Amino acid sequence: MQIEYSVSINLDEACLEIGIEYEQVYAIVENGIIEPEGAQPDNWLFDLDMICRAKRAIRLQRDLQLDWSAIALLVSLLDERDRLRADNDQLRSQLEKFIPN
């Protein structure tokens, strides 16, 4: 049995953790890069995956100086690449069981 732990932090804590201002968080949320729980910013909760995704978006935006819609597309493409690599690794591992060395 696997136990999953979920830690959620509020907007103030997320800003501190990511190292950005509220306006940048609003831009990241508005562009669909992350989707916090809660209807209003005062109620938003962020999990670890959202924080990591937001940090990645901030790094890309600072490094590439692209607008947030371009960053949203880029983050989505990078996530898809990561998923495909993970799937490829899993399939390769499964195939190795059937192919003698």
N, C-alpha and C. Protein backbone atom coordinates (compact mmCIF):
# COMPACT_ATOMS: atom_id res chain seq x y z
N MET A 1 0.84 -1.17 0.00
CA MET A 1 0.00 0.00 0.00
C MET A 1 0.89 1.24 0.00
N GLN A 2 0.57 2.17 -0.90
CA GLN A 2 1.35 3.40 -1.02
C GLN A 2 0.55 4.55 -0.43
N ILE A 3 1.19 5.32 0.43
CA ILE A 3 0.54 6.46 1.03
C ILE A 3 1.04 7.72 0.33
N GLU A 4 0.10 8.58 -0.08
CA GLU A 4 0.46 9.83 -0.71
C GLU A 4 0.24 10.96 0.28
N TYR A 5 1.22 11.82 0.38
CA TYR A 5 1.11 12.98 1.25
C TYR A 5 0.92 14.20 0.37
N SER A 6 -0.03 15.01 0.73
CA SER A 6 -0.30 16.22 -0.02
C SER A 6 -0.17 17.42 0.90
N VAL A 7 0.69 18.31 0.53
CA VAL A 7 0.88 19.53 1.30
C VAL A 7 0.43 20.68 0.42
N SER A 8 -0.43 21.51 0.94
CA SER A 8 -0.89 22.67 0.20
C SER A 8 -0.49 23.93 0.94
N ILE A 9 -0.12 24.94 0.16
CA ILE A 9 0.24 26.22 0.75
C ILE A 9 -0.62 27.31 0.13
N ASN A 10 -0.77 28.41 0.84
CA ASN A 10 -1.61 29.51 0.35
C ASN A 10 -0.80 30.43 -0.57
N LEU A 11 -1.47 31.48 -1.05
CA LEU A 11 -0.85 32.39 -2.01
C LEU A 11 0.38 33.08 -1.44
N ASP A 12 0.30 33.56 -0.22
CA ASP A 12 1.46 34.23 0.39
C ASP A 12 2.66 33.30 0.47
N GLU A 13 2.42 32.08 0.94
CA GLU A 13 3.51 31.10 1.06
C GLU A 13 4.05 30.71 -0.31
N ALA A 14 3.16 30.60 -1.30
CA ALA A 14 3.60 30.25 -2.65
C ALA A 14 4.51 31.35 -3.22
N CYS A 15 4.12 32.61 -3.01
CA CYS A 15 4.95 33.72 -3.49
C CYS A 15 6.34 33.68 -2.85
N LEU A 16 6.39 33.40 -1.57
CA LEU A 16 7.68 33.31 -0.88
C LEU A 16 8.50 32.14 -1.40
N GLU A 17 7.86 31.00 -1.57
CA GLU A 17 8.56 29.80 -2.03
C GLU A 17 9.10 29.96 -3.45
N ILE A 18 8.29 30.56 -4.31
CA ILE A 18 8.69 30.73 -5.71
C ILE A 18 9.62 31.93 -5.87
N GLY A 19 9.46 32.92 -4.99
CA GLY A 19 10.29 34.12 -5.06
C GLY A 19 9.75 35.15 -6.03
N ILE A 20 8.41 35.26 -6.10
CA ILE A 20 7.80 36.21 -7.03
C ILE A 20 6.69 36.99 -6.33
N GLU A 21 6.19 38.01 -7.03
CA GLU A 21 5.11 38.85 -6.53
C GLU A 21 3.76 38.26 -6.95
N TYR A 22 2.71 38.77 -6.32
CA TYR A 22 1.35 38.31 -6.62
C TYR A 22 1.02 38.42 -8.11
N GLU A 23 1.41 39.52 -8.72
CA GLU A 23 1.06 39.76 -10.12
C GLU A 23 1.59 38.65 -11.03
N GLN A 24 2.78 38.16 -10.73
CA GLN A 24 3.34 37.08 -11.53
C GLN A 24 2.55 35.79 -11.32
N VAL A 25 2.14 35.53 -10.09
CA VAL A 25 1.32 34.34 -9.83
C VAL A 25 0.00 34.47 -10.58
N TYR A 26 -0.61 35.65 -10.54
CA TYR A 26 -1.87 35.85 -11.26
C TYR A 26 -1.68 35.57 -12.75
N ALA A 27 -0.57 36.05 -13.33
CA ALA A 27 -0.30 35.82 -14.76
C ALA A 27 -0.13 34.34 -15.05
N ILE A 28 0.56 33.64 -14.17
CA ILE A 28 0.77 32.20 -14.36
C ILE A 28 -0.55 31.45 -14.30
N VAL A 29 -1.40 31.83 -13.36
CA VAL A 29 -2.72 31.19 -13.23
C VAL A 29 -3.60 31.56 -14.42
N GLU A 30 -3.65 32.83 -14.78
CA GLU A 30 -4.49 33.28 -15.90
C GLU A 30 -4.15 32.58 -17.20
N ASN A 31 -2.89 32.23 -17.38
CA ASN A 31 -2.46 31.56 -18.61
C ASN A 31 -2.53 30.04 -18.52
N GLY A 32 -3.08 29.54 -17.42
CA GLY A 32 -3.30 28.10 -17.30
C GLY A 32 -2.06 27.28 -17.03
N ILE A 33 -1.00 27.92 -16.63
CA ILE A 33 0.24 27.18 -16.35
C ILE A 33 0.06 26.35 -15.08
N ILE A 34 -0.59 26.93 -14.09
CA ILE A 34 -0.99 26.18 -12.89
C ILE A 34 -2.44 26.49 -12.59
N GLU A 35 -3.10 25.58 -11.88
CA GLU A 35 -4.50 25.74 -11.53
C GLU A 35 -4.68 25.46 -10.04
N PRO A 36 -4.54 26.50 -9.22
CA PRO A 36 -4.67 26.29 -7.78
C PRO A 36 -6.10 25.92 -7.40
N GLU A 37 -6.22 25.25 -6.27
CA GLU A 37 -7.54 24.96 -5.73
C GLU A 37 -8.07 26.24 -5.12
N GLY A 38 -9.38 26.42 -5.17
CA GLY A 38 -10.01 27.61 -4.61
C GLY A 38 -10.48 28.55 -5.69
N ALA A 39 -11.59 29.22 -5.42
CA ALA A 39 -12.21 30.08 -6.42
C ALA A 39 -11.57 31.46 -6.52
N GLN A 40 -11.10 31.99 -5.43
CA GLN A 40 -10.54 33.33 -5.38
C GLN A 40 -9.10 33.28 -4.89
N PRO A 41 -8.29 34.28 -5.26
CA PRO A 41 -6.90 34.30 -4.81
C PRO A 41 -6.74 34.16 -3.29
N ASP A 42 -7.66 34.72 -2.53
CA ASP A 42 -7.58 34.57 -1.07
C ASP A 42 -7.73 33.14 -0.61
N ASN A 43 -8.35 32.30 -1.44
CA ASN A 43 -8.60 30.90 -1.10
C ASN A 43 -7.71 29.92 -1.86
N TRP A 44 -6.85 30.43 -2.73
CA TRP A 44 -6.03 29.54 -3.53
C TRP A 44 -5.10 28.71 -2.66
N LEU A 45 -4.98 27.43 -3.06
CA LEU A 45 -4.03 26.51 -2.44
C LEU A 45 -3.18 25.90 -3.54
N PHE A 46 -1.89 25.81 -3.28
CA PHE A 46 -0.93 25.30 -4.24
C PHE A 46 -0.25 24.06 -3.68
N ASP A 47 -0.12 23.02 -4.52
CA ASP A 47 0.60 21.83 -4.08
C ASP A 47 2.03 21.88 -4.62
N LEU A 48 2.82 20.89 -4.25
CA LEU A 48 4.24 20.86 -4.63
C LEU A 48 4.43 20.85 -6.15
N ASP A 49 3.61 20.09 -6.87
CA ASP A 49 3.73 20.05 -8.32
C ASP A 49 3.50 21.43 -8.94
N MET A 50 2.52 22.15 -8.41
CA MET A 50 2.24 23.50 -8.93
C MET A 50 3.41 24.44 -8.66
N ILE A 51 4.00 24.32 -7.48
CA ILE A 51 5.13 25.17 -7.14
C ILE A 51 6.30 24.89 -8.08
N CYS A 52 6.59 23.62 -8.31
CA CYS A 52 7.69 23.25 -9.23
C CYS A 52 7.41 23.75 -10.65
N ARG A 53 6.17 23.60 -11.09
CA ARG A 53 5.78 24.05 -12.43
C ARG A 53 5.91 25.57 -12.53
N ALA A 54 5.48 26.28 -11.50
CA ALA A 54 5.57 27.74 -11.49
C ALA A 54 7.04 28.19 -11.51
N LYS A 55 7.89 27.52 -10.74
CA LYS A 55 9.32 27.86 -10.74
C LYS A 55 9.92 27.67 -12.13
N ARG A 56 9.52 26.59 -12.79
CA ARG A 56 10.01 26.33 -14.13
C ARG A 56 9.56 27.44 -15.08
N ALA A 57 8.31 27.84 -14.98
CA ALA A 57 7.77 28.89 -15.83
C ALA A 57 8.49 30.21 -15.59
N ILE A 58 8.74 30.53 -14.34
CA ILE A 58 9.44 31.77 -14.01
C ILE A 58 10.85 31.76 -14.59
N ARG A 59 11.56 30.63 -14.44
CA ARG A 59 12.92 30.53 -15.01
C ARG A 59 12.89 30.74 -16.53
N LEU A 60 11.94 30.08 -17.19
CA LEU A 60 11.84 30.21 -18.64
C LEU A 60 11.52 31.65 -19.05
N GLN A 61 10.61 32.28 -18.33
CA GLN A 61 10.22 33.65 -18.66
C GLN A 61 11.39 34.60 -18.47
N ARG A 62 12.14 34.42 -17.40
CA ARG A 62 13.30 35.29 -17.15
C ARG A 62 14.41 35.05 -18.18
N ASP A 63 14.64 33.78 -18.50
CA ASP A 63 15.73 33.44 -19.44
C ASP A 63 15.40 33.82 -20.88
N LEU A 64 14.16 33.57 -21.29
CA LEU A 64 13.79 33.75 -22.70
C LEU A 64 13.06 35.05 -23.00
N GLN A 65 12.59 35.73 -21.95
CA GLN A 65 11.87 37.00 -22.12
C GLN A 65 10.67 36.86 -23.07
N LEU A 66 9.92 35.76 -22.91
CA LEU A 66 8.72 35.54 -23.71
C LEU A 66 7.50 35.96 -22.92
N ASP A 67 6.39 36.21 -23.62
CA ASP A 67 5.17 36.54 -22.91
C ASP A 67 4.59 35.26 -22.28
N TRP A 68 3.64 35.44 -21.37
CA TRP A 68 3.13 34.32 -20.59
C TRP A 68 2.40 33.27 -21.42
N SER A 69 1.75 33.69 -22.51
CA SER A 69 1.07 32.69 -23.34
C SER A 69 2.09 31.77 -24.02
N ALA A 70 3.22 32.34 -24.44
CA ALA A 70 4.29 31.52 -25.03
C ALA A 70 4.91 30.61 -23.97
N ILE A 71 5.06 31.11 -22.76
CA ILE A 71 5.60 30.29 -21.67
C ILE A 71 4.65 29.14 -21.36
N ALA A 72 3.34 29.41 -21.38
CA ALA A 72 2.35 28.35 -21.13
C ALA A 72 2.49 27.24 -22.16
N LEU A 73 2.64 27.61 -23.42
CA LEU A 73 2.82 26.61 -24.48
C LEU A 73 4.13 25.85 -24.29
N LEU A 74 5.19 26.57 -23.99
CA LEU A 74 6.49 25.94 -23.80
C LEU A 74 6.48 24.97 -22.62
N VAL A 75 5.89 25.36 -21.50
CA VAL A 75 5.80 24.48 -20.34
C VAL A 75 4.99 23.24 -20.68
N SER A 76 3.90 23.42 -21.41
CA SER A 76 3.08 22.28 -21.82
C SER A 76 3.87 21.31 -22.69
N LEU A 77 4.63 21.85 -23.63
CA LEU A 77 5.45 21.00 -24.51
C LEU A 77 6.56 20.29 -23.73
N LEU A 78 7.18 20.98 -22.80
CA LEU A 78 8.21 20.34 -21.98
C LEU A 78 7.63 19.25 -21.10
N ASP A 79 6.44 19.48 -20.55
CA ASP A 79 5.77 18.44 -19.76
C ASP A 79 5.45 17.21 -20.61
N GLU A 80 4.97 17.45 -21.83
CA GLU A 80 4.66 16.34 -22.74
C GLU A 80 5.93 15.56 -23.08
N ARG A 81 7.03 16.28 -23.31
CA ARG A 81 8.30 15.61 -23.57
C ARG A 81 8.71 14.74 -22.39
N ASP A 82 8.56 15.27 -21.18
CA ASP A 82 8.91 14.51 -19.98
C ASP A 82 8.04 13.27 -19.83
N ARG A 83 6.74 13.41 -20.13
CA ARG A 83 5.84 12.24 -20.06
C ARG A 83 6.23 11.19 -21.09
N LEU A 84 6.55 11.64 -22.29
CA LEU A 84 6.95 10.70 -23.34
C LEU A 84 8.25 9.98 -22.99
N ARG A 85 9.18 10.69 -22.41
CA ARG A 85 10.44 10.05 -21.98
C ARG A 85 10.18 9.01 -20.89
N ALA A 86 9.31 9.37 -19.94
CA ALA A 86 8.99 8.43 -18.87
C ALA A 86 8.29 7.19 -19.44
N ASP A 87 7.36 7.40 -20.35
CA ASP A 87 6.69 6.26 -21.00
C ASP A 87 7.68 5.41 -21.76
N ASN A 88 8.59 6.05 -22.48
CA ASN A 88 9.61 5.33 -23.23
C ASN A 88 10.50 4.50 -22.30
N ASP A 89 10.90 5.09 -21.18
CA ASP A 89 11.72 4.36 -20.21
C ASP A 89 10.98 3.16 -19.65
N GLN A 90 9.70 3.34 -19.36
CA GLN A 90 8.90 2.24 -18.82
C GLN A 90 8.74 1.13 -19.85
N LEU A 91 8.46 1.47 -21.09
CA LEU A 91 8.32 0.47 -22.14
C LEU A 91 9.64 -0.25 -22.40
N ARG A 92 10.72 0.49 -22.39
CA ARG A 92 12.04 -0.11 -22.59
C ARG A 92 12.34 -1.11 -21.47
N SER A 93 12.00 -0.75 -20.26
CA SER A 93 12.20 -1.63 -19.11
C SER A 93 11.37 -2.91 -19.25
N GLN A 94 10.14 -2.76 -19.71
CA GLN A 94 9.29 -3.93 -19.90
C GLN A 94 9.81 -4.82 -21.02
N LEU A 95 10.29 -4.22 -22.09
CA LEU A 95 10.82 -5.00 -23.20
C LEU A 95 12.09 -5.76 -22.83
N GLU A 96 12.90 -5.19 -21.97
CA GLU A 96 14.14 -5.85 -21.57
C GLU A 96 13.90 -7.19 -20.90
N LYS A 97 12.73 -7.38 -20.35
CA LYS A 97 12.39 -8.65 -19.72
C LYS A 97 12.24 -9.76 -20.75
N PHE A 98 11.92 -9.40 -22.00
CA PHE A 98 11.66 -10.37 -23.05
C PHE A 98 12.79 -10.53 -24.04
N ILE A 99 13.75 -9.63 -23.99
CA ILE A 99 14.86 -9.67 -24.93
C ILE A 99 16.12 -10.12 -24.18
N PRO A 100 16.68 -11.26 -24.59
CA PRO A 100 17.91 -11.71 -23.91
C PRO A 100 19.07 -10.80 -24.28
N ASN A 101 19.99 -10.66 -23.33
CA ASN A 101 21.17 -9.82 -23.55
C ASN A 101 22.17 -10.50 -24.41
